[in-house]
Structures are given as structure tokens and as C-alpha cells.
Amino acid sequence: MDNICSIVPYFQIQEGKLDDMKKLCEEFIEKTKNEDKCLYYGFCFDGNVMHCREGYEGAEGVLAHIENVGELIDQALTMSELFRFEIHGNATELAQLKEPLAALNPEYFTWEMGFRK
């Protein structure tokens, strides 16, 4: 059973704040690159919509990341709105995230089949 958890957030960036948000993304990347359980991390843009593409080893990796970048998330939310937030993973890992992430109200998608190389 694959234990990878993906965080899938989408942000609508306020007009005139795109450059500031991209600078903040550089800070997110610097802070995240030292996390042991981070498997991949990066940002994608479509106009003023930003998506963070990120994956972690299990619920432990997700929670460590959120704790590590909490202040940066707060800054991001001063110039954007989190309009979609998903967590993808197996049922065991997702169960460990539901209580700690309840305030963020994510949608949970349970991994059921597939493979990873």
C-alpha cells in the first residue's frame, strides 16, 4: 500500500499581488527543501490562480510540512484566497489528518488502486 499523501491547494491571488506571491513561493521552497519527508514540491500558475504541487511520505510528512511553513501560509492568505483544498492518500494516512486539519476543511480523496515506480 502506497503511503504517499498529496496536498492539493488552489489559491486565487488578489489583483496586483502576483509578483509578491511568487516571491513568497521562493521562501516556501527554501523552507520546504530541507524537510525529510517531502518527496516533491513546486508551484504552478494560470494567470492569478496558483496551485502548489506537493507530496509527502505519509500523514507525518504532511503535518511536519504544515508546521514548518505555517507562518508563510498565513502570509499567503493575506494576498490570496484558498478556494480549493484537497488531500489525496490511502485511508490509513488520511484518517490521521482529519482531526489536525479539520479547521482547513479539506476534501479527502482516498487512493484505491494504481502503482508507483
PDB file of N, CA and C in Angstrom:
ATOM      1  N   MET A   1       0.855  -1.187   0.000  1.00  0.00           N
ATOM      2  CA  MET A   1       0.000   0.000   0.000  1.00  0.00           C
ATOM      3  C   MET A   1       0.891   1.236   0.000  1.00  0.00           C
ATOM      4  N   ASP A   2       0.636   2.111  -0.913  1.00  0.00           N
ATOM      5  CA  ASP A   2       1.394   3.355  -1.046  1.00  0.00           C
ATOM      6  C   ASP A   2       0.991   4.314   0.074  1.00  0.00           C
ATOM      7  N   ASN A   3       1.958   4.886   0.769  1.00  0.00           N
ATOM      8  CA  ASN A   3       1.635   5.796   1.875  1.00  0.00           C
ATOM      9  C   ASN A   3       1.808   7.270   1.512  1.00  0.00           C
ATOM     10  N   ILE A   4       2.067   7.581   0.247  1.00  0.00           N
ATOM     11  CA  ILE A   4       2.256   8.978  -0.144  1.00  0.00           C
ATOM     12  C   ILE A   4       0.960   9.759   0.028  1.00  0.00           C
ATOM     13  N   CYS A   5       1.084  10.949   0.578  1.00  0.00           N
ATOM     14  CA  CYS A   5      -0.035  11.884   0.695  1.00  0.00           C
ATOM     15  C   CYS A   5       0.298  13.118  -0.132  1.00  0.00           C
ATOM     16  N   SER A   6      -0.667  13.537  -0.931  1.00  0.00           N
ATOM     17  CA  SER A   6      -0.515  14.756  -1.723  1.00  0.00           C
ATOM     18  C   SER A   6      -1.409  15.833  -1.140  1.00  0.00           C
ATOM     19  N   ILE A   7      -0.865  17.024  -1.027  1.00  0.00           N
ATOM     20  CA  ILE A   7      -1.663  18.190  -0.666  1.00  0.00           C
ATOM     21  C   ILE A   7      -1.945  18.911  -1.978  1.00  0.00           C
ATOM     22  N   VAL A   8      -3.205  19.277  -2.199  1.00  0.00           N
ATOM     23  CA  VAL A   8      -3.599  19.861  -3.479  1.00  0.00           C
ATOM     24  C   VAL A   8      -4.379  21.157  -3.228  1.00  0.00           C
ATOM     25  N   PRO A   9      -3.659  22.277  -2.980  1.00  0.00           N
ATOM     26  CA  PRO A   9      -4.330  23.552  -2.749  1.00  0.00           C
ATOM     27  C   PRO A   9      -4.346  24.441  -3.995  1.00  0.00           C
ATOM     28  N   TYR A  10      -5.427  25.183  -4.139  1.00  0.00           N
ATOM     29  CA  TYR A  10      -5.564  26.173  -5.210  1.00  0.00           C
ATOM     30  C   TYR A  10      -5.880  27.529  -4.578  1.00  0.00           C
ATOM     31  N   PHE A  11      -5.151  28.558  -5.010  1.00  0.00           N
ATOM     32  CA  PHE A  11      -5.305  29.900  -4.474  1.00  0.00           C
ATOM     33  C   PHE A  11      -5.676  30.881  -5.588  1.00  0.00           C
ATOM     34  N   GLN A  12      -6.604  31.767  -5.297  1.00  0.00           N
ATOM     35  CA  GLN A  12      -6.913  32.889  -6.190  1.00  0.00           C
ATOM     36  C   GLN A  12      -6.150  34.086  -5.646  1.00  0.00           C
ATOM     37  N   ILE A  13      -5.182  34.555  -6.401  1.00  0.00           N
ATOM     38  CA  ILE A  13      -4.320  35.653  -5.961  1.00  0.00           C
ATOM     39  C   ILE A  13      -5.005  36.979  -6.270  1.00  0.00           C
ATOM     40  N   GLN A  14      -4.940  37.892  -5.326  1.00  0.00           N
ATOM     41  CA  GLN A  14      -5.530  39.220  -5.498  1.00  0.00           C
ATOM     42  C   GLN A  14      -4.836  39.966  -6.634  1.00  0.00           C
ATOM     43  N   GLU A  15      -5.603  40.806  -7.307  1.00  0.00           N
ATOM     44  CA  GLU A  15      -5.044  41.638  -8.378  1.00  0.00           C
ATOM     45  C   GLU A  15      -3.854  42.439  -7.847  1.00  0.00           C
ATOM     46  N   GLY A  16      -2.801  42.481  -8.627  1.00  0.00           N
ATOM     47  CA  GLY A  16      -1.618  43.247  -8.262  1.00  0.00           C
ATOM     48  C   GLY A  16      -0.687  42.553  -7.288  1.00  0.00           C
ATOM     49  N   LYS A  17      -1.017  41.328  -6.868  1.00  0.00           N
ATOM     50  CA  LYS A  17      -0.207  40.634  -5.863  1.00  0.00           C
ATOM     51  C   LYS A  17       0.569  39.434  -6.418  1.00  0.00           C
ATOM     52  N   LEU A  18       0.486  39.206  -7.723  1.00  0.00           N
ATOM     53  CA  LEU A  18       1.122  38.023  -8.305  1.00  0.00           C
ATOM     54  C   LEU A  18       2.633  38.006  -8.070  1.00  0.00           C
ATOM     55  N   ASP A  19       3.297  39.118  -8.309  1.00  0.00           N
ATOM     56  CA  ASP A  19       4.746  39.160  -8.100  1.00  0.00           C
ATOM     57  C   ASP A  19       5.120  38.934  -6.641  1.00  0.00           C
ATOM     58  N   ASP A  20       4.345  39.525  -5.730  1.00  0.00           N
ATOM     59  CA  ASP A  20       4.596  39.313  -4.296  1.00  0.00           C
ATOM     60  C   ASP A  20       4.406  37.846  -3.929  1.00  0.00           C
ATOM     61  N   MET A  21       3.376  37.227  -4.502  1.00  0.00           N
ATOM     62  CA  MET A  21       3.121  35.814  -4.197  1.00  0.00           C
ATOM     63  C   MET A  21       4.247  34.942  -4.740  1.00  0.00           C
ATOM     64  N   LYS A  22       4.740  35.247  -5.917  1.00  0.00           N
ATOM     65  CA  LYS A  22       5.844  34.453  -6.462  1.00  0.00           C
ATOM     66  C   LYS A  22       7.101  34.591  -5.609  1.00  0.00           C
ATOM     67  N   LYS A  23       7.350  35.759  -5.053  1.00  0.00           N
ATOM     68  CA  LYS A  23       8.481  35.930  -4.130  1.00  0.00           C
ATOM     69  C   LYS A  23       8.283  35.088  -2.874  1.00  0.00           C
ATOM     70  N   LEU A  24       7.044  35.060  -2.391  1.00  0.00           N
ATOM     71  CA  LEU A  24       6.739  34.243  -1.215  1.00  0.00           C
ATOM     72  C   LEU A  24       6.916  32.755  -1.534  1.00  0.00           C
ATOM     73  N   CYS A  25       6.585  32.357  -2.747  1.00  0.00           N
ATOM     74  CA  CYS A  25       6.771  30.962  -3.159  1.00  0.00           C
ATOM     75  C   CYS A  25       8.235  30.556  -3.053  1.00  0.00           C
ATOM     76  N   GLU A  26       9.135  31.466  -3.374  1.00  0.00           N
ATOM     77  CA  GLU A  26      10.561  31.179  -3.240  1.00  0.00           C
ATOM     78  C   GLU A  26      10.913  30.883  -1.777  1.00  0.00           C
ATOM     79  N   GLU A  27      10.284  31.602  -0.852  1.00  0.00           N
ATOM     80  CA  GLU A  27      10.501  31.344   0.576  1.00  0.00           C
ATOM     81  C   GLU A  27       9.938  29.983   0.978  1.00  0.00           C
ATOM     82  N   PHE A  28       8.747  29.650   0.464  1.00  0.00           N
ATOM     83  CA  PHE A  28       8.173  28.331   0.723  1.00  0.00           C
ATOM     84  C   PHE A  28       9.142  27.238   0.265  1.00  0.00           C
ATOM     85  N   ILE A  29       9.675  27.391  -0.928  1.00  0.00           N
ATOM     86  CA  ILE A  29      10.576  26.381  -1.483  1.00  0.00           C
ATOM     87  C   ILE A  29      11.822  26.238  -0.624  1.00  0.00           C
ATOM     88  N   GLU A  30      12.430  27.354  -0.234  1.00  0.00           N
ATOM     89  CA  GLU A  30      13.635  27.300   0.600  1.00  0.00           C
ATOM     90  C   GLU A  30      13.362  26.599   1.923  1.00  0.00           C
ATOM     91  N   LYS A  31      12.221  26.907   2.525  1.00  0.00           N
ATOM     92  CA  LYS A  31      11.892  26.316   3.819  1.00  0.00           C
ATOM     93  C   LYS A  31      11.545  24.839   3.701  1.00  0.00           C
ATOM     94  N   THR A  32      10.948  24.455   2.587  1.00  0.00           N
ATOM     95  CA  THR A  32      10.475  23.088   2.399  1.00  0.00           C
ATOM     96  C   THR A  32      11.580  22.143   1.956  1.00  0.00           C
ATOM     97  N   LYS A  33      12.581  22.630   1.247  1.00  0.00           N
ATOM     98  CA  LYS A  33      13.570  21.724   0.659  1.00  0.00           C
ATOM     99  C   LYS A  33      14.356  20.922   1.687  1.00  0.00           C
ATOM    100  N   ASN A  34      14.337  21.312   2.948  1.00  0.00           N
ATOM    101  CA  ASN A  34      15.046  20.570   3.990  1.00  0.00           C
ATOM    102  C   ASN A  34      14.165  19.574   4.745  1.00  0.00           C
ATOM    103  N   GLU A  35      12.903  19.456   4.359  1.00  0.00           N
ATOM    104  CA  GLU A  35      12.004  18.512   5.032  1.00  0.00           C
ATOM    105  C   GLU A  35      12.320  17.086   4.568  1.00  0.00           C
ATOM    106  N   ASP A  36      12.601  16.206   5.521  1.00  0.00           N
ATOM    107  CA  ASP A  36      12.984  14.823   5.215  1.00  0.00           C
ATOM    108  C   ASP A  36      11.891  14.047   4.479  1.00  0.00           C
ATOM    109  N   LYS A  37      10.646  14.311   4.777  1.00  0.00           N
ATOM    110  CA  LYS A  37       9.559  13.512   4.225  1.00  0.00           C
ATOM    111  C   LYS A  37       8.881  14.156   3.016  1.00  0.00           C
ATOM    112  N   CYS A  38       9.436  15.244   2.510  1.00  0.00           N
ATOM    113  CA  CYS A  38       8.901  15.879   1.308  1.00  0.00           C
ATOM    114  C   CYS A  38       9.487  15.170   0.092  1.00  0.00           C
ATOM    115  N   LEU A  39       8.611  14.697  -0.791  1.00  0.00           N
ATOM    116  CA  LEU A  39       9.041  13.975  -1.984  1.00  0.00           C
ATOM    117  C   LEU A  39       9.126  14.874  -3.212  1.00  0.00           C
ATOM    118  N   TYR A  40       8.229  15.829  -3.313  1.00  0.00           N
ATOM    119  CA  TYR A  40       8.249  16.802  -4.400  1.00  0.00           C
ATOM    120  C   TYR A  40       7.479  18.029  -3.971  1.00  0.00           C
ATOM    121  N   TYR A  41       7.835  19.163  -4.563  1.00  0.00           N
ATOM    122  CA  TYR A  41       7.239  20.430  -4.136  1.00  0.00           C
ATOM    123  C   TYR A  41       7.468  21.485  -5.207  1.00  0.00           C
ATOM    124  N   GLY A  42       6.429  22.191  -5.597  1.00  0.00           N
ATOM    125  CA  GLY A  42       6.573  23.245  -6.578  1.00  0.00           C
ATOM    126  C   GLY A  42       5.267  23.975  -6.812  1.00  0.00           C
ATOM    127  N   PHE A  43       5.336  25.040  -7.584  1.00  0.00           N
ATOM    128  CA  PHE A  43       4.175  25.886  -7.826  1.00  0.00           C
ATOM    129  C   PHE A  43       3.871  25.974  -9.317  1.00  0.00           C
ATOM    130  N   CYS A  44       2.576  25.979  -9.625  1.00  0.00           N
ATOM    131  CA  CYS A  44       2.074  26.122 -10.988  1.00  0.00           C
ATOM    132  C   CYS A  44       1.121  27.314 -11.001  1.00  0.00           C
ATOM    133  N   PHE A  45       1.118  28.043 -12.120  1.00  0.00           N
ATOM    134  CA  PHE A  45       0.284  29.241 -12.227  1.00  0.00           C
ATOM    135  C   PHE A  45      -0.535  29.220 -13.509  1.00  0.00           C
ATOM    136  N   ASP A  46      -1.732  29.751 -13.412  1.00  0.00           N
ATOM    137  CA  ASP A  46      -2.593  30.035 -14.561  1.00  0.00           C
ATOM    138  C   ASP A  46      -3.190  31.400 -14.303  1.00  0.00           C
ATOM    139  N   GLY A  47      -2.542  32.432 -14.844  1.00  0.00           N
ATOM    140  CA  GLY A  47      -2.975  33.785 -14.531  1.00  0.00           C
ATOM    141  C   GLY A  47      -2.804  34.042 -13.046  1.00  0.00           C
ATOM    142  N   ASN A  48      -3.880  34.446 -12.375  1.00  0.00           N
ATOM    143  CA  ASN A  48      -3.835  34.713 -10.933  1.00  0.00           C
ATOM    144  C   ASN A  48      -4.266  33.518 -10.090  1.00  0.00           C
ATOM    145  N   VAL A  49      -4.297  32.347 -10.690  1.00  0.00           N
ATOM    146  CA  VAL A  49      -4.580  31.125  -9.929  1.00  0.00           C
ATOM    147  C   VAL A  49      -3.262  30.389  -9.728  1.00  0.00           C
ATOM    148  N   MET A  50      -3.010  30.013  -8.481  1.00  0.00           N
ATOM    149  CA  MET A  50      -1.782  29.308  -8.129  1.00  0.00           C
ATOM    150  C   MET A  50      -2.137  27.956  -7.530  1.00  0.00           C
ATOM    151  N   HIS A  51      -1.368  26.960  -7.928  1.00  0.00           N
ATOM    152  CA  HIS A  51      -1.509  25.614  -7.359  1.00  0.00           C
ATOM    153  C   HIS A  51      -0.148  25.203  -6.828  1.00  0.00           C
ATOM    154  N   CYS A  52      -0.141  24.633  -5.638  1.00  0.00           N
ATOM    155  CA  CYS A  52       1.092  24.073  -5.093  1.00  0.00           C
ATOM    156  C   CYS A  52       1.026  22.561  -5.277  1.00  0.00           C
ATOM    157  N   ARG A  53       1.985  22.028  -6.015  1.00  0.00           N
ATOM    158  CA  ARG A  53       2.069  20.593  -6.299  1.00  0.00           C
ATOM    159  C   ARG A  53       3.060  20.009  -5.298  1.00  0.00           C
ATOM    160  N   GLU A  54       2.542  19.153  -4.388  1.00  0.00           N
ATOM    161  CA  GLU A  54       3.387  18.687  -3.292  1.00  0.00           C
ATOM    162  C   GLU A  54       2.989  17.297  -2.814  1.00  0.00           C
ATOM    163  N   GLY A  55       3.986  16.499  -2.447  1.00  0.00           N
ATOM    164  CA  GLY A  55       3.744  15.150  -1.955  1.00  0.00           C
ATOM    165  C   GLY A  55       4.685  14.809  -0.818  1.00  0.00           C
ATOM    166  N   TYR A  56       4.186  13.987   0.096  1.00  0.00           N
ATOM    167  CA  TYR A  56       4.915  13.673   1.328  1.00  0.00           C
ATOM    168  C   TYR A  56       4.806  12.204   1.671  1.00  0.00           C
ATOM    169  N   GLU A  57       5.780  11.715   2.410  1.00  0.00           N
ATOM    170  CA  GLU A  57       5.715  10.363   2.954  1.00  0.00           C
ATOM    171  C   GLU A  57       4.740  10.380   4.120  1.00  0.00           C
ATOM    172  N   GLY A  58       3.531   9.924   3.882  1.00  0.00           N
ATOM    173  CA  GLY A  58       2.530   9.748   4.915  1.00  0.00           C
ATOM    174  C   GLY A  58       2.024  11.014   5.577  1.00  0.00           C
ATOM    175  N   ALA A  59       1.093  10.799   6.495  1.00  0.00           N
ATOM    176  CA  ALA A  59       0.491  11.886   7.252  1.00  0.00           C
ATOM    177  C   ALA A  59       1.544  12.639   8.062  1.00  0.00           C
ATOM    178  N   GLU A  60       2.530  11.924   8.547  1.00  0.00           N
ATOM    179  CA  GLU A  60       3.596  12.557   9.332  1.00  0.00           C
ATOM    180  C   GLU A  60       4.303  13.639   8.518  1.00  0.00           C
ATOM    181  N   GLY A  61       4.565  13.359   7.247  1.00  0.00           N
ATOM    182  CA  GLY A  61       5.202  14.341   6.380  1.00  0.00           C
ATOM    183  C   GLY A  61       4.329  15.558   6.130  1.00  0.00           C
ATOM    184  N   VAL A  62       3.022  15.333   5.947  1.00  0.00           N
ATOM    185  CA  VAL A  62       2.086  16.435   5.738  1.00  0.00           C
ATOM    186  C   VAL A  62       2.053  17.349   6.956  1.00  0.00           C
ATOM    187  N   LEU A  63       1.913  16.760   8.122  1.00  0.00           N
ATOM    188  CA  LEU A  63       1.817  17.559   9.346  1.00  0.00           C
ATOM    189  C   LEU A  63       3.122  18.311   9.637  1.00  0.00           C
ATOM    190  N   ALA A  64       4.251  17.677   9.371  1.00  0.00           N
ATOM    191  CA  ALA A  64       5.542  18.350   9.579  1.00  0.00           C
ATOM    192  C   ALA A  64       5.664  19.553   8.639  1.00  0.00           C
ATOM    193  N   HIS A  65       5.206  19.381   7.399  1.00  0.00           N
ATOM    194  CA  HIS A  65       5.276  20.487   6.438  1.00  0.00           C
ATOM    195  C   HIS A  65       4.404  21.656   6.881  1.00  0.00           C
ATOM    196  N   ILE A  66       3.178  21.368   7.252  1.00  0.00           N
ATOM    197  CA  ILE A  66       2.262  22.445   7.645  1.00  0.00           C
ATOM    198  C   ILE A  66       2.799  23.196   8.863  1.00  0.00           C
ATOM    199  N   GLU A  67       3.401  22.462   9.787  1.00  0.00           N
ATOM    200  CA  GLU A  67       4.000  23.124  10.941  1.00  0.00           C
ATOM    201  C   GLU A  67       5.190  23.986  10.510  1.00  0.00           C
ATOM    202  N   ASN A  68       5.988  23.478   9.591  1.00  0.00           N
ATOM    203  CA  ASN A  68       7.183  24.189   9.132  1.00  0.00           C
ATOM    204  C   ASN A  68       6.856  25.495   8.412  1.00  0.00           C
ATOM    205  N   VAL A  69       5.796  25.503   7.597  1.00  0.00           N
ATOM    206  CA  VAL A  69       5.511  26.680   6.768  1.00  0.00           C
ATOM    207  C   VAL A  69       4.271  27.449   7.226  1.00  0.00           C
ATOM    208  N   GLY A  70       3.805  27.203   8.421  1.00  0.00           N
ATOM    209  CA  GLY A  70       2.585  27.841   8.917  1.00  0.00           C
ATOM    210  C   GLY A  70       2.571  29.350   8.789  1.00  0.00           C
ATOM    211  N   GLU A  71       3.664  30.000   9.145  1.00  0.00           N
ATOM    212  CA  GLU A  71       3.730  31.471   9.051  1.00  0.00           C
ATOM    213  C   GLU A  71       3.649  31.931   7.602  1.00  0.00           C
ATOM    214  N   LEU A  72       4.248  31.175   6.694  1.00  0.00           N
ATOM    215  CA  LEU A  72       4.201  31.536   5.279  1.00  0.00           C
ATOM    216  C   LEU A  72       2.793  31.346   4.713  1.00  0.00           C
ATOM    217  N   ILE A  73       2.106  30.318   5.181  1.00  0.00           N
ATOM    218  CA  ILE A  73       0.714  30.121   4.757  1.00  0.00           C
ATOM    219  C   ILE A  73      -0.124  31.319   5.181  1.00  0.00           C
ATOM    220  N   ASP A  74       0.074  31.768   6.409  1.00  0.00           N
ATOM    221  CA  ASP A  74      -0.658  32.951   6.889  1.00  0.00           C
ATOM    222  C   ASP A  74      -0.384  34.162   5.993  1.00  0.00           C
ATOM    223  N   GLN A  75       0.872  34.337   5.594  1.00  0.00           N
ATOM    224  CA  GLN A  75       1.217  35.454   4.701  1.00  0.00           C
ATOM    225  C   GLN A  75       0.539  35.293   3.344  1.00  0.00           C
ATOM    226  N   ALA A  76       0.543  34.089   2.809  1.00  0.00           N
ATOM    227  CA  ALA A  76      -0.080  33.836   1.507  1.00  0.00           C
ATOM    228  C   ALA A  76      -1.571  34.175   1.543  1.00  0.00           C
ATOM    229  N   LEU A  77      -2.216  33.903   2.665  1.00  0.00           N
ATOM    230  CA  LEU A  77      -3.654  34.147   2.774  1.00  0.00           C
ATOM    231  C   LEU A  77      -3.994  35.630   2.936  1.00  0.00           C
ATOM    232  N   THR A  78      -2.987  36.485   3.124  1.00  0.00           N
ATOM    233  CA  THR A  78      -3.254  37.927   3.138  1.00  0.00           C
ATOM    234  C   THR A  78      -3.334  38.487   1.720  1.00  0.00           C
ATOM    235  N   MET A  79      -2.857  37.712   0.731  1.00  0.00           N
ATOM    236  CA  MET A  79      -2.884  38.191  -0.656  1.00  0.00           C
ATOM    237  C   MET A  79      -3.575  37.218  -1.604  1.00  0.00           C
ATOM    238  N   SER A  80      -4.265  36.227  -1.028  1.00  0.00           N
ATOM    239  CA  SER A  80      -4.964  35.249  -1.856  1.00  0.00           C
ATOM    240  C   SER A  80      -6.078  34.598  -1.050  1.00  0.00           C
ATOM    241  N   GLU A  81      -6.909  33.867  -1.783  1.00  0.00           N
ATOM    242  CA  GLU A  81      -7.966  33.075  -1.156  1.00  0.00           C
ATOM    243  C   GLU A  81      -7.745  31.614  -1.513  1.00  0.00           C
ATOM    244  N   LEU A  82      -7.745  30.755  -0.517  1.00  0.00           N
ATOM    245  CA  LEU A  82      -7.666  29.314  -0.736  1.00  0.00           C
ATOM    246  C   LEU A  82      -9.066  28.860  -1.141  1.00  0.00           C
ATOM    247  N   PHE A  83      -9.276  28.577  -2.432  1.00  0.00           N
ATOM    248  CA  PHE A  83     -10.630  28.264  -2.876  1.00  0.00           C
ATOM    249  C   PHE A  83     -10.869  26.784  -3.110  1.00  0.00           C
ATOM    250  N   ARG A  84      -9.826  25.985  -3.133  1.00  0.00           N
ATOM    251  CA  ARG A  84      -9.991  24.537  -3.215  1.00  0.00           C
ATOM    252  C   ARG A  84      -8.802  23.915  -2.496  1.00  0.00           C
ATOM    253  N   PHE A  85      -9.101  22.909  -1.667  1.00  0.00           N
ATOM    254  CA  PHE A  85      -8.047  22.280  -0.885  1.00  0.00           C
ATOM    255  C   PHE A  85      -8.368  20.802  -0.757  1.00  0.00           C
ATOM    256  N   GLU A  86      -7.504  19.979  -1.327  1.00  0.00           N
ATOM    257  CA  GLU A  86      -7.684  18.527  -1.327  1.00  0.00           C
ATOM    258  C   GLU A  86      -6.478  17.866  -0.667  1.00  0.00           C
ATOM    259  N   ILE A  87      -6.743  16.707  -0.073  1.00  0.00           N
ATOM    260  CA  ILE A  87      -5.678  15.836   0.409  1.00  0.00           C
ATOM    261  C   ILE A  87      -5.934  14.474  -0.236  1.00  0.00           C
ATOM    262  N   HIS A  88      -4.902  13.891  -0.851  1.00  0.00           N
ATOM    263  CA  HIS A  88      -5.013  12.594  -1.500  1.00  0.00           C
ATOM    264  C   HIS A  88      -4.086  11.621  -0.776  1.00  0.00           C
ATOM    265  N   GLY A  89      -4.588  10.420  -0.493  1.00  0.00           N
ATOM    266  CA  GLY A  89      -3.755   9.410   0.143  1.00  0.00           C
ATOM    267  C   GLY A  89      -4.560   8.171   0.476  1.00  0.00           C
ATOM    268  N   ASN A  90      -3.893   7.196   1.085  1.00  0.00           N
ATOM    269  CA  ASN A  90      -4.625   5.992   1.462  1.00  0.00           C
ATOM    270  C   ASN A  90      -5.430   6.245   2.740  1.00  0.00           C
ATOM    271  N   ALA A  91      -6.400   5.381   2.986  1.00  0.00           N
ATOM    272  CA  ALA A  91      -7.346   5.600   4.090  1.00  0.00           C
ATOM    273  C   ALA A  91      -6.654   5.710   5.443  1.00  0.00           C
ATOM    274  N   THR A  92      -5.630   4.915   5.668  1.00  0.00           N
ATOM    275  CA  THR A  92      -4.925   4.933   6.951  1.00  0.00           C
ATOM    276  C   THR A  92      -4.255   6.282   7.196  1.00  0.00           C
ATOM    277  N   GLU A  93      -3.591   6.811   6.178  1.00  0.00           N
ATOM    278  CA  GLU A  93      -2.909   8.100   6.322  1.00  0.00           C
ATOM    279  C   GLU A  93      -3.919   9.240   6.440  1.00  0.00           C
ATOM    280  N   LEU A  94      -4.988   9.205   5.628  1.00  0.00           N
ATOM    281  CA  LEU A  94      -5.997  10.268   5.684  1.00  0.00           C
ATOM    282  C   LEU A  94      -6.665  10.335   7.056  1.00  0.00           C
ATOM    283  N   ALA A  95      -6.901   9.188   7.662  1.00  0.00           N
ATOM    284  CA  ALA A  95      -7.543   9.159   8.982  1.00  0.00           C
ATOM    285  C   ALA A  95      -6.707   9.929  10.006  1.00  0.00           C
ATOM    286  N   GLN A  96      -5.393   9.908   9.851  1.00  0.00           N
ATOM    287  CA  GLN A  96      -4.511  10.611  10.786  1.00  0.00           C
ATOM    288  C   GLN A  96      -4.520  12.123  10.578  1.00  0.00           C
ATOM    289  N   LEU A  97      -5.046  12.573   9.445  1.00  0.00           N
ATOM    290  CA  LEU A  97      -5.041  14.003   9.117  1.00  0.00           C
ATOM    291  C   LEU A  97      -6.354  14.708   9.411  1.00  0.00           C
ATOM    292  N   LYS A  98      -7.428  13.961   9.523  1.00  0.00           N
ATOM    293  CA  LYS A  98      -8.754  14.585   9.609  1.00  0.00           C
ATOM    294  C   LYS A  98      -8.912  15.495  10.821  1.00  0.00           C
ATOM    295  N   GLU A  99      -8.474  15.062  11.970  1.00  0.00           N
ATOM    296  CA  GLU A  99      -8.596  15.922  13.154  1.00  0.00           C
ATOM    297  C   GLU A  99      -7.638  17.120  13.102  1.00  0.00           C
ATOM    298  N   PRO A 100      -6.333  16.896  12.840  1.00  0.00           N
ATOM    299  CA  PRO A 100      -5.423  18.049  12.840  1.00  0.00           C
ATOM    300  C   PRO A 100      -5.716  19.089  11.755  1.00  0.00           C
ATOM    301  N   LEU A 101      -6.333  18.675  10.639  1.00  0.00           N
ATOM    302  CA  LEU A 101      -6.595  19.603   9.534  1.00  0.00           C
ATOM    303  C   LEU A 101      -8.053  20.032   9.448  1.00  0.00           C
ATOM    304  N   ALA A 102      -8.843  19.707  10.448  1.00  0.00           N
ATOM    305  CA  ALA A 102     -10.283  19.996  10.404  1.00  0.00           C
ATOM    306  C   ALA A 102     -10.581  21.470  10.152  1.00  0.00           C
ATOM    307  N   ALA A 103      -9.817  22.373  10.723  1.00  0.00           N
ATOM    308  CA  ALA A 103     -10.078  23.810  10.570  1.00  0.00           C
ATOM    309  C   ALA A 103      -9.895  24.275   9.128  1.00  0.00           C
ATOM    310  N   LEU A 104      -9.074  23.555   8.349  1.00  0.00           N
ATOM    311  CA  LEU A 104      -8.834  23.918   6.955  1.00  0.00           C
ATOM    312  C   LEU A 104      -9.899  23.354   6.015  1.00  0.00           C
ATOM    313  N   ASN A 105     -10.703  22.424   6.527  1.00  0.00           N
ATOM    314  CA  ASN A 105     -11.825  21.839   5.795  1.00  0.00           C
ATOM    315  C   ASN A 105     -11.442  21.295   4.407  1.00  0.00           C
ATOM    316  N   PRO A 106     -10.420  20.437   4.335  1.00  0.00           N
ATOM    317  CA  PRO A 106     -10.050  19.894   3.022  1.00  0.00           C
ATOM    318  C   PRO A 106     -11.047  18.838   2.545  1.00  0.00           C
ATOM    319  N   GLU A 107     -11.033  18.590   1.237  1.00  0.00           N
ATOM    320  CA  GLU A 107     -11.732  17.445   0.670  1.00  0.00           C
ATOM    321  C   GLU A 107     -10.719  16.312   0.668  1.00  0.00           C
ATOM    322  N   TYR A 108     -11.138  15.133   1.073  1.00  0.00           N
ATOM    323  CA  TYR A 108     -10.242  13.980   1.129  1.00  0.00           C
ATOM    324  C   TYR A 108     -10.567  13.022  -0.008  1.00  0.00           C
ATOM    325  N   PHE A 109      -9.528  12.610  -0.738  1.00  0.00           N
ATOM    326  CA  PHE A 109      -9.660  11.633  -1.807  1.00  0.00           C
ATOM    327  C   PHE A 109      -8.838  10.417  -1.422  1.00  0.00           C
ATOM    328  N   THR A 110      -9.501   9.263  -1.333  1.00  0.00           N
ATOM    329  CA  THR A 110      -8.861   8.030  -0.876  1.00  0.00           C
ATOM    330  C   THR A 110      -8.295   7.251  -2.051  1.00  0.00           C
ATOM    331  N   TRP A 111      -6.992   6.980  -1.992  1.00  0.00           N
ATOM    332  CA  TRP A 111      -6.303   6.190  -3.005  1.00  0.00           C
ATOM    333  C   TRP A 111      -6.780   4.759  -2.893  1.00  0.00           C
ATOM    334  N   GLU A 112      -7.158   4.176  -4.011  1.00  0.00           N
ATOM    335  CA  GLU A 112      -7.655   2.805  -4.001  1.00  0.00           C
ATOM    336  C   GLU A 112      -6.853   1.854  -4.879  1.00  0.00           C
ATOM    337  N   MET A 113      -6.271   2.364  -5.945  1.00  0.00           N
ATOM    338  CA  MET A 113      -5.558   1.445  -6.842  1.00  0.00           C
ATOM    339  C   MET A 113      -4.551   2.195  -7.668  1.00  0.00           C
ATOM    340  N   GLY A 114      -3.562   1.468  -8.161  1.00  0.00           N
ATOM    341  CA  GLY A 114      -2.547   2.062  -9.017  1.00  0.00           C
ATOM    342  C   GLY A 114      -1.167   1.544  -8.666  1.00  0.00           C
ATOM    343  N   PHE A 115      -0.154   2.225  -9.171  1.00  0.00           N
ATOM    344  CA  PHE A 115       1.214   1.830  -8.890  1.00  0.00           C
ATOM    345  C   PHE A 115       2.103   3.055  -8.885  1.00  0.00           C
ATOM    346  N   ARG A 116       3.285   2.868  -8.366  1.00  0.00           N
ATOM    347  CA  ARG A 116       4.310   3.904  -8.352  1.00  0.00           C
ATOM    348  C   ARG A 116       5.617   3.230  -8.687  1.00  0.00           C
ATOM    349  N   LYS A 117       6.437   3.854  -9.506  1.00  0.00           N
ATOM    350  CA  LYS A 117       7.740   3.286  -9.862  1.00  0.00           C
ATOM    351  C   LYS A 117       8.826   3.854  -9.011  1.00  0.00           C
TER     352      LYS A 117
END
